[in-house]
């Protein structure tokens, strides 16, 4: 009887240890899964640079949250400069 209880206690202790280890592993993996990457708070970072007397290069920073098919309209003094939206840097 005593040896039987001792065996049951060992079995329960082993089961408890295995369950505790499994829960710790699952918790550790879930914490890593939901971790967010660290990013800086940046704006568009618009750059305009004169190439020659009649052309200006206009470029800007794409944000990490922007969709890949995002397009833009470019305005100067409330006048739209391009006929259709564009997705890359632009030379006027």
N, C-alpha and C. Protein backbone atom coordinates (compact mmCIF):
# COMPACT_ATOMS: atom_id res chain seq x y z
N UNK A 1 0.83 -1.19 0.00
CA UNK A 1 0.00 0.00 0.00
C UNK A 1 0.87 1.26 0.00
N UNK A 2 1.88 1.29 0.89
CA UNK A 2 2.75 2.45 0.98
C UNK A 2 3.52 2.66 -0.32
N UNK A 3 4.04 1.60 -0.92
CA UNK A 3 4.79 1.71 -2.17
C UNK A 3 3.88 2.17 -3.31
N UNK A 4 2.63 1.75 -3.23
CA UNK A 4 1.66 2.16 -4.25
C UNK A 4 1.41 3.67 -4.16
N UNK A 5 1.25 4.20 -2.97
CA UNK A 5 1.05 5.64 -2.77
C UNK A 5 2.29 6.42 -3.19
N UNK A 6 3.45 5.87 -2.87
CA UNK A 6 4.69 6.52 -3.25
C UNK A 6 4.83 6.60 -4.76
N UNK A 7 4.47 5.54 -5.47
CA UNK A 7 4.50 5.51 -6.93
C UNK A 7 3.52 6.52 -7.52
N UNK A 8 2.32 6.60 -6.93
CA UNK A 8 1.33 7.56 -7.40
C UNK A 8 1.81 8.99 -7.20
N UNK A 9 2.44 9.27 -6.08
CA UNK A 9 2.96 10.61 -5.80
C UNK A 9 4.07 10.98 -6.79
N UNK A 10 4.94 10.02 -7.10
CA UNK A 10 6.00 10.28 -8.09
C UNK A 10 5.39 10.55 -9.45
N UNK A 11 4.38 9.78 -9.81
CA UNK A 11 3.72 9.97 -11.11
C UNK A 11 3.08 11.36 -11.17
N UNK A 12 2.41 11.76 -10.09
CA UNK A 12 1.79 13.08 -10.06
C UNK A 12 2.85 14.18 -10.12
N UNK A 13 3.95 13.99 -9.42
CA UNK A 13 5.03 14.98 -9.43
C UNK A 13 5.63 15.10 -10.83
N UNK A 14 5.85 13.98 -11.50
CA UNK A 14 6.38 14.01 -12.87
C UNK A 14 5.39 14.69 -13.81
N UNK A 15 4.11 14.38 -13.66
CA UNK A 15 3.09 15.01 -14.50
C UNK A 15 3.05 16.51 -14.25
N UNK A 16 3.14 16.92 -12.99
CA UNK A 16 3.15 18.34 -12.66
C UNK A 16 4.36 19.04 -13.27
N UNK A 17 5.53 18.43 -13.16
CA UNK A 17 6.75 19.01 -13.73
C UNK A 17 6.62 19.15 -15.24
N UNK A 18 6.15 18.13 -15.91
CA UNK A 18 6.01 18.17 -17.37
C UNK A 18 5.00 19.24 -17.78
N UNK A 19 3.90 19.34 -17.04
CA UNK A 19 2.88 20.34 -17.35
C UNK A 19 3.44 21.75 -17.14
N UNK A 20 4.17 21.94 -16.05
CA UNK A 20 4.76 23.26 -15.77
C UNK A 20 5.76 23.65 -16.85
N UNK A 21 6.60 22.73 -17.26
CA UNK A 21 7.58 23.02 -18.32
C UNK A 21 6.88 23.34 -19.63
N UNK A 22 5.85 22.57 -19.96
CA UNK A 22 5.09 22.82 -21.19
C UNK A 22 4.44 24.20 -21.17
N UNK A 23 3.85 24.57 -20.05
CA UNK A 23 3.21 25.89 -19.95
C UNK A 23 4.24 27.01 -20.06
N UNK A 24 5.39 26.84 -19.43
CA UNK A 24 6.44 27.86 -19.53
C UNK A 24 6.93 28.00 -20.96
N UNK A 25 7.10 26.89 -21.66
CA UNK A 25 7.53 26.96 -23.06
C UNK A 25 6.49 27.64 -23.93
N UNK A 26 5.22 27.27 -23.73
CA UNK A 26 4.15 27.89 -24.52
C UNK A 26 4.06 29.38 -24.24
N UNK A 27 4.18 29.77 -22.97
CA UNK A 27 4.14 31.19 -22.62
C UNK A 27 5.31 31.93 -23.24
N UNK A 28 6.49 31.35 -23.18
CA UNK A 28 7.68 31.97 -23.76
C UNK A 28 7.55 32.16 -25.26
N UNK A 29 7.00 31.16 -25.94
CA UNK A 29 6.82 31.27 -27.38
C UNK A 29 5.76 32.31 -27.73
N UNK A 30 4.69 32.36 -26.95
CA UNK A 30 3.62 33.32 -27.26
C UNK A 30 4.08 34.74 -27.02
N UNK A 31 4.92 34.97 -26.02
CA UNK A 31 5.43 36.32 -25.76
C UNK A 31 6.31 36.77 -26.92
N UNK A 32 7.14 35.89 -27.45
CA UNK A 32 7.98 36.25 -28.59
C UNK A 32 7.14 36.48 -29.84
N UNK A 33 6.08 35.73 -30.00
CA UNK A 33 5.22 35.87 -31.18
C UNK A 33 4.55 37.24 -31.22
N UNK A 34 4.12 37.75 -30.08
CA UNK A 34 3.39 39.01 -30.04
C UNK A 34 4.29 40.23 -29.83
N UNK A 35 5.58 40.03 -29.76
CA UNK A 35 6.49 41.15 -29.57
C UNK A 35 6.48 42.03 -30.82
N UNK A 36 6.46 43.32 -30.65
CA UNK A 36 6.47 44.25 -31.77
C UNK A 36 7.88 44.75 -31.99
N UNK A 37 8.19 44.99 -33.26
CA UNK A 37 9.52 45.52 -33.54
C UNK A 37 9.57 47.00 -33.14
N UNK A 38 10.74 47.45 -32.78
CA UNK A 38 10.94 48.83 -32.38
C UNK A 38 11.17 49.68 -33.61
N UNK A 39 10.39 50.73 -33.77
CA UNK A 39 10.54 51.63 -34.91
C UNK A 39 10.59 53.06 -34.42
N UNK A 40 11.22 53.91 -35.20
CA UNK A 40 11.26 55.33 -34.87
C UNK A 40 9.99 56.01 -35.36
N UNK A 41 9.65 57.12 -34.74
CA UNK A 41 8.49 57.90 -35.18
C UNK A 41 8.98 58.88 -36.23
N UNK A 42 8.78 58.55 -37.49
CA UNK A 42 9.25 59.38 -38.60
C UNK A 42 8.06 59.87 -39.41
N UNK A 43 8.25 61.00 -40.08
CA UNK A 43 7.22 61.48 -41.00
C UNK A 43 7.64 61.11 -42.43
N UNK A 44 7.00 61.68 -43.41
CA UNK A 44 7.27 61.34 -44.81
C UNK A 44 8.69 61.71 -45.26
N UNK A 45 9.28 62.72 -44.68
CA UNK A 45 10.64 63.10 -45.05
C UNK A 45 10.76 63.55 -46.50
N UNK A 46 9.93 64.48 -46.90
CA UNK A 46 9.93 64.98 -48.28
C UNK A 46 11.24 65.68 -48.60
N UNK A 47 11.78 65.38 -49.80
CA UNK A 47 13.03 65.99 -50.27
C UNK A 47 12.79 66.53 -51.67
N UNK A 48 13.17 67.78 -51.91
CA UNK A 48 13.12 68.37 -53.25
C UNK A 48 14.51 68.90 -53.57
N UNK A 49 15.06 68.51 -54.73
CA UNK A 49 16.43 68.89 -55.08
C UNK A 49 16.46 69.30 -56.56
N UNK A 50 16.98 70.49 -56.81
CA UNK A 50 17.06 70.97 -58.19
C UNK A 50 18.13 70.19 -58.94
N UNK A 51 17.73 69.61 -60.10
CA UNK A 51 18.67 68.87 -60.93
C UNK A 51 19.34 69.78 -61.96
N UNK A 52 18.54 70.66 -62.54
CA UNK A 52 19.06 71.66 -63.48
C UNK A 52 18.06 72.81 -63.51
N UNK A 53 18.18 73.71 -64.48
CA UNK A 53 17.33 74.91 -64.51
C UNK A 53 15.85 74.58 -64.68
N UNK A 54 15.53 73.41 -65.27
CA UNK A 54 14.13 73.12 -65.55
C UNK A 54 13.59 71.87 -64.85
N UNK A 55 14.41 71.17 -64.05
CA UNK A 55 13.95 69.94 -63.41
C UNK A 55 14.24 69.95 -61.91
N UNK A 56 13.30 69.38 -61.16
CA UNK A 56 13.44 69.23 -59.71
C UNK A 56 13.13 67.78 -59.36
N UNK A 57 14.03 67.15 -58.61
CA UNK A 57 13.78 65.79 -58.11
C UNK A 57 12.97 65.90 -56.82
N UNK A 58 11.88 65.15 -56.72
CA UNK A 58 11.06 65.12 -55.51
C UNK A 58 11.00 63.67 -55.03
N UNK A 59 11.41 63.44 -53.80
CA UNK A 59 11.37 62.11 -53.22
C UNK A 59 10.88 62.18 -51.79
N UNK A 60 10.50 61.03 -51.23
CA UNK A 60 9.99 61.00 -49.86
C UNK A 60 10.22 59.62 -49.27
N UNK A 61 10.13 59.56 -47.98
CA UNK A 61 10.31 58.33 -47.22
C UNK A 61 9.00 57.55 -47.20
N UNK A 62 9.10 56.27 -47.52
CA UNK A 62 7.94 55.39 -47.35
C UNK A 62 7.96 54.91 -45.90
N UNK A 63 6.81 54.87 -45.27
CA UNK A 63 6.73 54.40 -43.90
C UNK A 63 6.57 52.89 -43.87
N UNK A 64 6.99 52.29 -42.79
CA UNK A 64 6.90 50.84 -42.67
C UNK A 64 5.47 50.34 -42.64
N UNK A 65 4.53 51.21 -42.31
CA UNK A 65 3.12 50.83 -42.26
C UNK A 65 2.39 51.06 -43.58
N UNK A 66 3.08 51.65 -44.57
CA UNK A 66 2.46 51.91 -45.87
C UNK A 66 2.27 50.61 -46.65
N UNK A 67 1.16 50.54 -47.36
CA UNK A 67 0.95 49.41 -48.26
C UNK A 67 1.88 49.55 -49.46
N UNK A 68 2.21 48.44 -50.10
CA UNK A 68 3.15 48.49 -51.22
C UNK A 68 2.55 49.18 -52.45
N UNK A 69 1.23 49.21 -52.57
CA UNK A 69 0.61 49.84 -53.73
C UNK A 69 0.10 51.25 -53.43
N UNK A 70 0.62 51.90 -52.40
CA UNK A 70 0.22 53.27 -52.05
C UNK A 70 0.67 54.23 -53.14
N UNK A 71 -0.21 55.15 -53.52
CA UNK A 71 0.15 56.14 -54.53
C UNK A 71 -0.11 57.54 -53.97
N UNK A 72 0.52 58.53 -54.61
CA UNK A 72 0.49 59.90 -54.11
C UNK A 72 0.19 60.88 -55.24
N UNK A 73 -0.42 61.99 -54.86
CA UNK A 73 -0.58 63.14 -55.75
C UNK A 73 0.38 64.22 -55.25
N UNK A 74 0.99 64.93 -56.18
CA UNK A 74 1.95 65.98 -55.82
C UNK A 74 1.34 67.34 -56.17
N UNK A 75 1.32 68.22 -55.18
CA UNK A 75 0.75 69.56 -55.37
C UNK A 75 1.81 70.61 -55.08
N UNK A 76 1.73 71.73 -55.78
CA UNK A 76 2.56 72.89 -55.51
C UNK A 76 1.65 74.12 -55.58
N UNK A 77 1.56 74.84 -54.49
CA UNK A 77 0.65 76.00 -54.40
C UNK A 77 -0.77 75.62 -54.79
N UNK A 78 -1.25 74.51 -54.26
CA UNK A 78 -2.60 74.00 -54.46
C UNK A 78 -2.90 73.61 -55.91
N UNK A 79 -1.87 73.43 -56.73
CA UNK A 79 -2.03 72.99 -58.12
C UNK A 79 -1.44 71.59 -58.23
N UNK A 80 -2.25 70.65 -58.74
CA UNK A 80 -1.79 69.28 -58.90
C UNK A 80 -0.78 69.23 -60.05
N UNK A 81 0.44 68.69 -59.77
CA UNK A 81 1.51 68.72 -60.76
C UNK A 81 1.51 67.53 -61.72
N UNK A 82 1.02 66.39 -61.28
CA UNK A 82 1.02 65.20 -62.14
C UNK A 82 -0.42 64.85 -62.50
N UNK A 83 -0.61 64.33 -63.70
CA UNK A 83 -1.96 63.98 -64.15
C UNK A 83 -2.55 62.81 -63.39
N UNK A 84 -1.72 61.85 -63.00
CA UNK A 84 -2.21 60.69 -62.25
C UNK A 84 -1.30 60.44 -61.05
N UNK A 85 -1.81 59.78 -60.04
CA UNK A 85 -0.99 59.51 -58.86
C UNK A 85 0.22 58.63 -59.22
N UNK A 86 1.30 58.75 -58.46
CA UNK A 86 2.49 57.95 -58.72
C UNK A 86 2.96 57.31 -57.44
N UNK A 87 3.81 56.29 -57.58
CA UNK A 87 4.24 55.51 -56.42
C UNK A 87 5.74 55.63 -56.16
N UNK A 88 6.47 56.25 -57.04
CA UNK A 88 7.93 56.37 -56.87
C UNK A 88 8.31 57.84 -56.82
N UNK A 89 9.58 58.11 -56.68
CA UNK A 89 10.05 59.49 -56.71
C UNK A 89 9.72 60.11 -58.06
N UNK A 90 9.71 61.41 -58.12
CA UNK A 90 9.19 62.10 -59.31
C UNK A 90 10.14 63.21 -59.72
N UNK A 91 10.35 63.36 -61.02
CA UNK A 91 11.16 64.45 -61.55
C UNK A 91 10.22 65.38 -62.29
N UNK A 92 10.16 66.63 -61.85
CA UNK A 92 9.30 67.64 -62.51
C UNK A 92 10.03 68.30 -63.65
